[in-house]
Every structure is written in C-alpha cells, then in structure tokens.
Amino acid sequence: MAKVQKGQTKITIYPDWCKGCGLCVAFCPGKVLELDPVEGCAKAIREEDCINCGFCELHCPDFAIVITPKDSKGSSEPNEGSKKS
C-alpha cells in the first residue's frame, strides 16, 4: 500500500451494509471513526486525520468500508484520462 499523507484519503461507509459492530472504530489508530448512536452505523467524523492504514477496511466483517486515495485535486473520482474506453 502506498504511503498517503493525512487528508489524502476518502473513506466511504455503506450504511446499509454496516451493522454497527464497532470493529472499525476499535482498530482505527487515528480515531477517525465513531459509531453514530442514532443511525447505528460507523461514521468518518475526522476523515482529514486518516493515515490510510486500511485497518478499518480490513477488519470490517461486512465489507461496508472502502478506503480510496484522493487525486491531486482532492477528489477520489478517477479522472477522464484514466478511464478505459
């Protein structure tokens, strides 16, 4: 996994898949995630502190978390030049 500086990572959490077990919260060294008591699922409340370690994604038993690097413009979407035709 390439080293990414803080603030260069996009965290996507699929609330329909998340069962609120809290494993992602427990394994996050940056304390980026918290469980939302109202919705009952994980939320990235401090995404700018994410160090791209991938522990949350790795430990999620429901595959509800996806970590992607942002491009130089701050977007996690692929740019037009990288799409296959």
PDB file of N, CA and C in Angstrom:
ATOM      1  N   MET A   1       0.853  -1.174   0.000  1.00  0.00           N
ATOM      2  CA  MET A   1       0.000   0.000   0.000  1.00  0.00           C
ATOM      3  C   MET A   1       0.897   1.234   0.000  1.00  0.00           C
ATOM      4  N   ALA A   2       0.638   2.160  -0.880  1.00  0.00           N
ATOM      5  CA  ALA A   2       1.413   3.388  -0.973  1.00  0.00           C
ATOM      6  C   ALA A   2       1.154   4.269   0.238  1.00  0.00           C
ATOM      7  N   LYS A   3       2.208   4.988   0.631  1.00  0.00           N
ATOM      8  CA  LYS A   3       2.058   5.886   1.766  1.00  0.00           C
ATOM      9  C   LYS A   3       1.285   7.123   1.347  1.00  0.00           C
ATOM     10  N   VAL A   4       0.288   7.476   2.113  1.00  0.00           N
ATOM     11  CA  VAL A   4      -0.536   8.642   1.828  1.00  0.00           C
ATOM     12  C   VAL A   4      -0.520   9.534   3.058  1.00  0.00           C
ATOM     13  N   GLN A   5      -0.374  10.827   2.853  1.00  0.00           N
ATOM     14  CA  GLN A   5      -0.373  11.758   3.967  1.00  0.00           C
ATOM     15  C   GLN A   5      -1.784  11.958   4.485  1.00  0.00           C
ATOM     16  N   LYS A   6      -1.868  12.447   5.712  1.00  0.00           N
ATOM     17  CA  LYS A   6      -3.179  12.746   6.291  1.00  0.00           C
ATOM     18  C   LYS A   6      -3.949  13.680   5.376  1.00  0.00           C
ATOM     19  N   GLY A   7      -5.249  13.450   5.286  1.00  0.00           N
ATOM     20  CA  GLY A   7      -6.109  14.295   4.478  1.00  0.00           C
ATOM     21  C   GLY A   7      -6.151  13.928   3.007  1.00  0.00           C
ATOM     22  N   GLN A   8      -5.451  12.875   2.623  1.00  0.00           N
ATOM     23  CA  GLN A   8      -5.393  12.478   1.214  1.00  0.00           C
ATOM     24  C   GLN A   8      -6.179  11.201   0.941  1.00  0.00           C
ATOM     25  N   THR A   9      -7.085  10.855   1.855  1.00  0.00           N
ATOM     26  CA  THR A   9      -7.830   9.610   1.751  1.00  0.00           C
ATOM     27  C   THR A   9      -9.325   9.868   1.831  1.00  0.00           C
ATOM     28  N   LYS A  10     -10.083   9.152   1.025  1.00  0.00           N
ATOM     29  CA  LYS A  10     -11.544   9.213   1.054  1.00  0.00           C
ATOM     30  C   LYS A  10     -12.046   7.933   1.713  1.00  0.00           C
ATOM     31  N   ILE A  11     -12.887   8.080   2.727  1.00  0.00           N
ATOM     32  CA  ILE A  11     -13.478   6.940   3.423  1.00  0.00           C
ATOM     33  C   ILE A  11     -14.942   6.855   3.027  1.00  0.00           C
ATOM     34  N   THR A  12     -15.319   5.737   2.446  1.00  0.00           N
ATOM     35  CA  THR A  12     -16.713   5.507   2.077  1.00  0.00           C
ATOM     36  C   THR A  12     -17.262   4.411   2.970  1.00  0.00           C
ATOM     37  N   ILE A  13     -18.359   4.714   3.652  1.00  0.00           N
ATOM     38  CA  ILE A  13     -19.025   3.733   4.507  1.00  0.00           C
ATOM     39  C   ILE A  13     -20.431   3.527   3.967  1.00  0.00           C
ATOM     40  N   TYR A  14     -20.761   2.282   3.669  1.00  0.00           N
ATOM     41  CA  TYR A  14     -22.089   1.939   3.172  1.00  0.00           C
ATOM     42  C   TYR A  14     -22.994   1.626   4.362  1.00  0.00           C
ATOM     43  N   PRO A  15     -23.866   2.571   4.736  1.00  0.00           N
ATOM     44  CA  PRO A  15     -24.691   2.385   5.938  1.00  0.00           C
ATOM     45  C   PRO A  15     -25.643   1.196   5.858  1.00  0.00           C
ATOM     46  N   ASP A  16     -26.058   0.823   4.657  1.00  0.00           N
ATOM     47  CA  ASP A  16     -26.947  -0.334   4.523  1.00  0.00           C
ATOM     48  C   ASP A  16     -26.225  -1.644   4.830  1.00  0.00           C
ATOM     49  N   TRP A  17     -24.917  -1.651   4.701  1.00  0.00           N
ATOM     50  CA  TRP A  17     -24.138  -2.863   4.962  1.00  0.00           C
ATOM     51  C   TRP A  17     -23.608  -2.901   6.390  1.00  0.00           C
ATOM     52  N   CYS A  18     -23.406  -1.725   6.989  1.00  0.00           N
ATOM     53  CA  CYS A  18     -22.813  -1.632   8.326  1.00  0.00           C
ATOM     54  C   CYS A  18     -23.816  -2.082   9.383  1.00  0.00           C
ATOM     55  N   LYS A  19     -23.377  -3.010  10.249  1.00  0.00           N
ATOM     56  CA  LYS A  19     -24.250  -3.481  11.326  1.00  0.00           C
ATOM     57  C   LYS A  19     -23.916  -2.821  12.659  1.00  0.00           C
ATOM     58  N   GLY A  20     -22.935  -1.921  12.668  1.00  0.00           N
ATOM     59  CA  GLY A  20     -22.595  -1.188  13.877  1.00  0.00           C
ATOM     60  C   GLY A  20     -21.833  -1.998  14.904  1.00  0.00           C
ATOM     61  N   CYS A  21     -21.022  -2.949  14.461  1.00  0.00           N
ATOM     62  CA  CYS A  21     -20.290  -3.810  15.400  1.00  0.00           C
ATOM     63  C   CYS A  21     -19.162  -3.061  16.114  1.00  0.00           C
ATOM     64  N   GLY A  22     -18.632  -2.005  15.494  1.00  0.00           N
ATOM     65  CA  GLY A  22     -17.594  -1.197  16.123  1.00  0.00           C
ATOM     66  C   GLY A  22     -16.170  -1.686  15.925  1.00  0.00           C
ATOM     67  N   LEU A  23     -15.961  -2.737  15.146  1.00  0.00           N
ATOM     68  CA  LEU A  23     -14.597  -3.218  14.919  1.00  0.00           C
ATOM     69  C   LEU A  23     -13.736  -2.165  14.233  1.00  0.00           C
ATOM     70  N   CYS A  24     -14.298  -1.462  13.284  1.00  0.00           N
ATOM     71  CA  CYS A  24     -13.549  -0.421  12.574  1.00  0.00           C
ATOM     72  C   CYS A  24     -13.108   0.683  13.537  1.00  0.00           C
ATOM     73  N   VAL A  25     -13.998   1.055  14.428  1.00  0.00           N
ATOM     74  CA  VAL A  25     -13.701   2.099  15.416  1.00  0.00           C
ATOM     75  C   VAL A  25     -12.575   1.635  16.338  1.00  0.00           C
ATOM     76  N   ALA A  26     -12.652   0.394  16.778  1.00  0.00           N
ATOM     77  CA  ALA A  26     -11.655  -0.150  17.698  1.00  0.00           C
ATOM     78  C   ALA A  26     -10.267  -0.244  17.071  1.00  0.00           C
ATOM     79  N   PHE A  27     -10.186  -0.564  15.786  1.00  0.00           N
ATOM     80  CA  PHE A  27      -8.896  -0.768  15.135  1.00  0.00           C
ATOM     81  C   PHE A  27      -8.311   0.489  14.511  1.00  0.00           C
ATOM     82  N   CYS A  28      -9.050   1.581  14.438  1.00  0.00           N
ATOM     83  CA  CYS A  28      -8.551   2.808  13.810  1.00  0.00           C
ATOM     84  C   CYS A  28      -7.554   3.514  14.731  1.00  0.00           C
ATOM     85  N   PRO A  29      -6.259   3.569  14.347  1.00  0.00           N
ATOM     86  CA  PRO A  29      -5.276   4.219  15.213  1.00  0.00           C
ATOM     87  C   PRO A  29      -5.432   5.738  15.278  1.00  0.00           C
ATOM     88  N   GLY A  30      -6.060   6.327  14.273  1.00  0.00           N
ATOM     89  CA  GLY A  30      -6.234   7.772  14.242  1.00  0.00           C
ATOM     90  C   GLY A  30      -7.534   8.256  14.856  1.00  0.00           C
ATOM     91  N   LYS A  31      -8.344   7.323  15.339  1.00  0.00           N
ATOM     92  CA  LYS A  31      -9.655   7.656  15.930  1.00  0.00           C
ATOM     93  C   LYS A  31     -10.486   8.500  14.959  1.00  0.00           C
ATOM     94  N   VAL A  32     -10.458   8.093  13.700  1.00  0.00           N
ATOM     95  CA  VAL A  32     -11.172   8.785  12.630  1.00  0.00           C
ATOM     96  C   VAL A  32     -12.658   8.437  12.636  1.00  0.00           C
ATOM     97  N   LEU A  33     -12.980   7.225  13.061  1.00  0.00           N
ATOM     98  CA  LEU A  33     -14.352   6.722  13.000  1.00  0.00           C
ATOM     99  C   LEU A  33     -15.022   6.706  14.366  1.00  0.00           C
ATOM    100  N   GLU A  34     -16.334   6.875  14.343  1.00  0.00           N
ATOM    101  CA  GLU A  34     -17.166   6.725  15.541  1.00  0.00           C
ATOM    102  C   GLU A  34     -18.471   6.073  15.128  1.00  0.00           C
ATOM    103  N   LEU A  35     -19.107   5.407  16.080  1.00  0.00           N
ATOM    104  CA  LEU A  35     -20.428   4.848  15.815  1.00  0.00           C
ATOM    105  C   LEU A  35     -21.473   5.924  16.041  1.00  0.00           C
ATOM    106  N   ASP A  36     -22.384   6.067  15.112  1.00  0.00           N
ATOM    107  CA  ASP A  36     -23.487   7.016  15.225  1.00  0.00           C
ATOM    108  C   ASP A  36     -24.594   6.332  16.019  1.00  0.00           C
ATOM    109  N   PRO A  37     -24.911   6.835  17.219  1.00  0.00           N
ATOM    110  CA  PRO A  37     -25.925   6.176  18.048  1.00  0.00           C
ATOM    111  C   PRO A  37     -27.334   6.251  17.461  1.00  0.00           C
ATOM    112  N   VAL A  38     -27.589   7.243  16.622  1.00  0.00           N
ATOM    113  CA  VAL A  38     -28.915   7.398  16.021  1.00  0.00           C
ATOM    114  C   VAL A  38     -29.095   6.426  14.857  1.00  0.00           C
ATOM    115  N   GLU A  39     -28.118   6.417  13.939  1.00  0.00           N
ATOM    116  CA  GLU A  39     -28.214   5.563  12.752  1.00  0.00           C
ATOM    117  C   GLU A  39     -27.697   4.147  12.998  1.00  0.00           C
ATOM    118  N   GLY A  40     -26.902   3.971  14.045  1.00  0.00           N
ATOM    119  CA  GLY A  40     -26.386   2.649  14.372  1.00  0.00           C
ATOM    120  C   GLY A  40     -25.303   2.139  13.450  1.00  0.00           C
ATOM    121  N   CYS A  41     -24.597   3.056  12.788  1.00  0.00           N
ATOM    122  CA  CYS A  41     -23.506   2.626  11.908  1.00  0.00           C
ATOM    123  C   CYS A  41     -22.308   3.560  12.084  1.00  0.00           C
ATOM    124  N   ALA A  42     -21.178   3.135  11.528  1.00  0.00           N
ATOM    125  CA  ALA A  42     -19.948   3.911  11.632  1.00  0.00           C
ATOM    126  C   ALA A  42     -20.020   5.166  10.771  1.00  0.00           C
ATOM    127  N   LYS A  43     -19.344   6.201  11.241  1.00  0.00           N
ATOM    128  CA  LYS A  43     -19.236   7.472  10.511  1.00  0.00           C
ATOM    129  C   LYS A  43     -17.784   7.930  10.567  1.00  0.00           C
ATOM    130  N   ALA A  44     -17.302   8.477   9.466  1.00  0.00           N
ATOM    131  CA  ALA A  44     -15.959   9.063   9.420  1.00  0.00           C
ATOM    132  C   ALA A  44     -16.083  10.512   9.868  1.00  0.00           C
ATOM    133  N   ILE A  45     -15.831  10.748  11.145  1.00  0.00           N
ATOM    134  CA  ILE A  45     -16.025  12.098  11.675  1.00  0.00           C
ATOM    135  C   ILE A  45     -14.772  12.961  11.585  1.00  0.00           C
ATOM    136  N   ARG A  46     -13.614  12.334  11.423  1.00  0.00           N
ATOM    137  CA  ARG A  46     -12.356  13.068  11.279  1.00  0.00           C
ATOM    138  C   ARG A  46     -11.569  12.511  10.088  1.00  0.00           C
ATOM    139  N   GLU A  47     -12.196  12.525   8.917  1.00  0.00           N
ATOM    140  CA  GLU A  47     -11.570  11.955   7.717  1.00  0.00           C
ATOM    141  C   GLU A  47     -10.214  12.587   7.421  1.00  0.00           C
ATOM    142  N   GLU A  48     -10.038  13.852   7.761  1.00  0.00           N
ATOM    143  CA  GLU A  48      -8.773  14.539   7.493  1.00  0.00           C
ATOM    144  C   GLU A  48      -7.617  13.957   8.309  1.00  0.00           C
ATOM    145  N   ASP A  49      -7.911  13.180   9.356  1.00  0.00           N
ATOM    146  CA  ASP A  49      -6.874  12.552  10.172  1.00  0.00           C
ATOM    147  C   ASP A  49      -6.535  11.129   9.729  1.00  0.00           C
ATOM    148  N   CYS A  50      -7.192  10.642   8.694  1.00  0.00           N
ATOM    149  CA  CYS A  50      -6.963   9.273   8.212  1.00  0.00           C
ATOM    150  C   CYS A  50      -5.543   9.145   7.662  1.00  0.00           C
ATOM    151  N   ILE A  51      -4.835   8.100   8.096  1.00  0.00           N
ATOM    152  CA  ILE A  51      -3.461   7.869   7.642  1.00  0.00           C
ATOM    153  C   ILE A  51      -3.384   6.760   6.586  1.00  0.00           C
ATOM    154  N   ASN A  52      -4.528   6.307   6.106  1.00  0.00           N
ATOM    155  CA  ASN A  52      -4.605   5.307   5.041  1.00  0.00           C
ATOM    156  C   ASN A  52      -3.985   3.969   5.437  1.00  0.00           C
ATOM    157  N   CYS A  53      -4.126   3.592   6.709  1.00  0.00           N
ATOM    158  CA  CYS A  53      -3.574   2.305   7.140  1.00  0.00           C
ATOM    159  C   CYS A  53      -4.434   1.142   6.652  1.00  0.00           C
ATOM    160  N   GLY A  54      -5.734   1.392   6.454  1.00  0.00           N
ATOM    161  CA  GLY A  54      -6.626   0.359   5.946  1.00  0.00           C
ATOM    162  C   GLY A  54      -7.149  -0.605   6.988  1.00  0.00           C
ATOM    163  N   PHE A  55      -6.836  -0.380   8.273  1.00  0.00           N
ATOM    164  CA  PHE A  55      -7.284  -1.303   9.320  1.00  0.00           C
ATOM    165  C   PHE A  55      -8.801  -1.391   9.397  1.00  0.00           C
ATOM    166  N   CYS A  56      -9.489  -0.279   9.233  1.00  0.00           N
ATOM    167  CA  CYS A  56     -10.958  -0.300   9.311  1.00  0.00           C
ATOM    168  C   CYS A  56     -11.538  -1.147   8.182  1.00  0.00           C
ATOM    169  N   GLU A  57     -11.029  -0.940   6.987  1.00  0.00           N
ATOM    170  CA  GLU A  57     -11.492  -1.691   5.818  1.00  0.00           C
ATOM    171  C   GLU A  57     -11.178  -3.182   5.971  1.00  0.00           C
ATOM    172  N   LEU A  58      -9.999  -3.488   6.468  1.00  0.00           N
ATOM    173  CA  LEU A  58      -9.557  -4.865   6.636  1.00  0.00           C
ATOM    174  C   LEU A  58     -10.380  -5.620   7.680  1.00  0.00           C
ATOM    175  N   HIS A  59     -10.742  -4.951   8.766  1.00  0.00           N
ATOM    176  CA  HIS A  59     -11.432  -5.614   9.869  1.00  0.00           C
ATOM    177  C   HIS A  59     -12.950  -5.594   9.767  1.00  0.00           C
ATOM    178  N   CYS A  60     -13.500  -4.877   8.806  1.00  0.00           N
ATOM    179  CA  CYS A  60     -14.958  -4.828   8.668  1.00  0.00           C
ATOM    180  C   CYS A  60     -15.473  -6.173   8.150  1.00  0.00           C
ATOM    181  N   PRO A  61     -16.274  -6.885   8.952  1.00  0.00           N
ATOM    182  CA  PRO A  61     -16.763  -8.195   8.519  1.00  0.00           C
ATOM    183  C   PRO A  61     -17.832  -8.114   7.432  1.00  0.00           C
ATOM    184  N   ASP A  62     -18.380  -6.930   7.217  1.00  0.00           N
ATOM    185  CA  ASP A  62     -19.461  -6.761   6.243  1.00  0.00           C
ATOM    186  C   ASP A  62     -19.024  -6.030   4.980  1.00  0.00           C
ATOM    187  N   PHE A  63     -17.726  -5.738   4.858  1.00  0.00           N
ATOM    188  CA  PHE A  63     -17.177  -5.027   3.690  1.00  0.00           C
ATOM    189  C   PHE A  63     -17.896  -3.698   3.458  1.00  0.00           C
ATOM    190  N   ALA A  64     -18.254  -3.033   4.551  1.00  0.00           N
ATOM    191  CA  ALA A  64     -19.010  -1.785   4.473  1.00  0.00           C
ATOM    192  C   ALA A  64     -18.119  -0.555   4.339  1.00  0.00           C
ATOM    193  N   ILE A  65     -16.804  -0.732   4.403  1.00  0.00           N
ATOM    194  CA  ILE A  65     -15.876   0.400   4.347  1.00  0.00           C
ATOM    195  C   ILE A  65     -14.932   0.232   3.165  1.00  0.00           C
ATOM    196  N   VAL A  66     -14.767   1.322   2.414  1.00  0.00           N
ATOM    197  CA  VAL A  66     -13.825   1.344   1.295  1.00  0.00           C
ATOM    198  C   VAL A  66     -12.943   2.576   1.463  1.00  0.00           C
ATOM    199  N   ILE A  67     -11.640   2.362   1.412  1.00  0.00           N
ATOM    200  CA  ILE A  67     -10.665   3.441   1.526  1.00  0.00           C
ATOM    201  C   ILE A  67     -10.052   3.664   0.148  1.00  0.00           C
ATOM    202  N   THR A  68     -10.095   4.904  -0.335  1.00  0.00           N
ATOM    203  CA  THR A  68      -9.509   5.239  -1.631  1.00  0.00           C
ATOM    204  C   THR A  68      -8.685   6.512  -1.505  1.00  0.00           C
ATOM    205  N   PRO A  69      -7.550   6.583  -2.196  1.00  0.00           N
ATOM    206  CA  PRO A  69      -6.763   7.818  -2.168  1.00  0.00           C
ATOM    207  C   PRO A  69      -7.428   8.888  -3.019  1.00  0.00           C
ATOM    208  N   LYS A  70      -7.317  10.121  -2.566  1.00  0.00           N
ATOM    209  CA  LYS A  70      -7.795  11.255  -3.362  1.00  0.00           C
ATOM    210  C   LYS A  70      -6.725  11.602  -4.380  1.00  0.00           C
ATOM    211  N   ASP A  71      -7.144  12.125  -5.532  1.00  0.00           N
ATOM    212  CA  ASP A  71      -6.151  12.569  -6.507  1.00  0.00           C
ATOM    213  C   ASP A  71      -5.621  13.937  -6.082  1.00  0.00           C
ATOM    214  N   SER A  72      -4.760  14.526  -6.871  1.00  0.00           N
ATOM    215  CA  SER A  72      -4.123  15.792  -6.509  1.00  0.00           C
ATOM    216  C   SER A  72      -5.108  16.944  -6.374  1.00  0.00           C
ATOM    217  N   LYS A  73      -6.299  16.813  -6.937  1.00  0.00           N
ATOM    218  CA  LYS A  73      -7.309  17.861  -6.835  1.00  0.00           C
ATOM    219  C   LYS A  73      -8.202  17.657  -5.618  1.00  0.00           C
ATOM    220  N   GLY A  74      -7.946  16.600  -4.836  1.00  0.00           N
ATOM    221  CA  GLY A  74      -8.745  16.351  -3.646  1.00  0.00           C
ATOM    222  C   GLY A  74      -9.956  15.484  -3.893  1.00  0.00           C
ATOM    223  N   SER A  75     -10.090  14.946  -5.096  1.00  0.00           N
ATOM    224  CA  SER A  75     -11.232  14.099  -5.431  1.00  0.00           C
ATOM    225  C   SER A  75     -10.808  12.644  -5.413  1.00  0.00           C
ATOM    226  N   SER A  76     -11.732  11.761  -5.067  1.00  0.00           N
ATOM    227  CA  SER A  76     -11.426  10.333  -5.112  1.00  0.00           C
ATOM    228  C   SER A  76     -11.972   9.699  -6.381  1.00  0.00           C
ATOM    229  N   GLU A  77     -12.562  10.507  -7.247  1.00  0.00           N
ATOM    230  CA  GLU A  77     -13.107  10.002  -8.505  1.00  0.00           C
ATOM    231  C   GLU A  77     -11.984   9.858  -9.520  1.00  0.00           C
ATOM    232  N   PRO A  78     -12.017   8.819 -10.354  1.00  0.00           N
ATOM    233  CA  PRO A  78     -10.989   8.686 -11.391  1.00  0.00           C
ATOM    234  C   PRO A  78     -11.111   9.819 -12.403  1.00  0.00           C
ATOM    235  N   ASN A  79      -9.964  10.288 -12.899  1.00  0.00           N
ATOM    236  CA  ASN A  79     -10.038  11.360 -13.893  1.00  0.00           C
ATOM    237  C   ASN A  79     -10.316  10.760 -15.262  1.00  0.00           C
ATOM    238  N   GLU A  80     -10.709  11.586 -16.191  1.00  0.00           N
ATOM    239  CA  GLU A  80     -11.121  11.129 -17.520  1.00  0.00           C
ATOM    240  C   GLU A  80     -10.010  10.367 -18.227  1.00  0.00           C
ATOM    241  N   GLY A  81      -8.757  10.768 -18.036  1.00  0.00           N
ATOM    242  CA  GLY A  81      -7.650  10.120 -18.711  1.00  0.00           C
ATOM    243  C   GLY A  81      -7.393   8.698 -18.245  1.00  0.00           C
ATOM    244  N   SER A  82      -7.860   8.352 -17.051  1.00  0.00           N
ATOM    245  CA  SER A  82      -7.587   7.019 -16.525  1.00  0.00           C
ATOM    246  C   SER A  82      -8.682   6.013 -16.836  1.00  0.00           C
ATOM    247  N   LYS A  83      -9.789   6.460 -17.426  1.00  0.00           N
ATOM    248  CA  LYS A  83     -10.889   5.553 -17.748  1.00  0.00           C
ATOM    249  C   LYS A  83     -10.591   4.785 -19.022  1.00  0.00           C
ATOM    250  N   LYS A  84     -10.945   3.516 -19.018  1.00  0.00           N
ATOM    251  CA  LYS A  84     -10.779   2.704 -20.224  1.00  0.00           C
ATOM    252  C   LYS A  84     -11.924   2.970 -21.176  1.00  0.00           C
ATOM    253  N   SER A  85     -11.621   2.950 -22.477  1.00  0.00           N
ATOM    254  CA  SER A  85     -12.671   3.174 -23.470  1.00  0.00           C
ATOM    255  C   SER A  85     -13.218   1.871 -23.972  1.00  0.00           C
TER     256      SER A  85
END
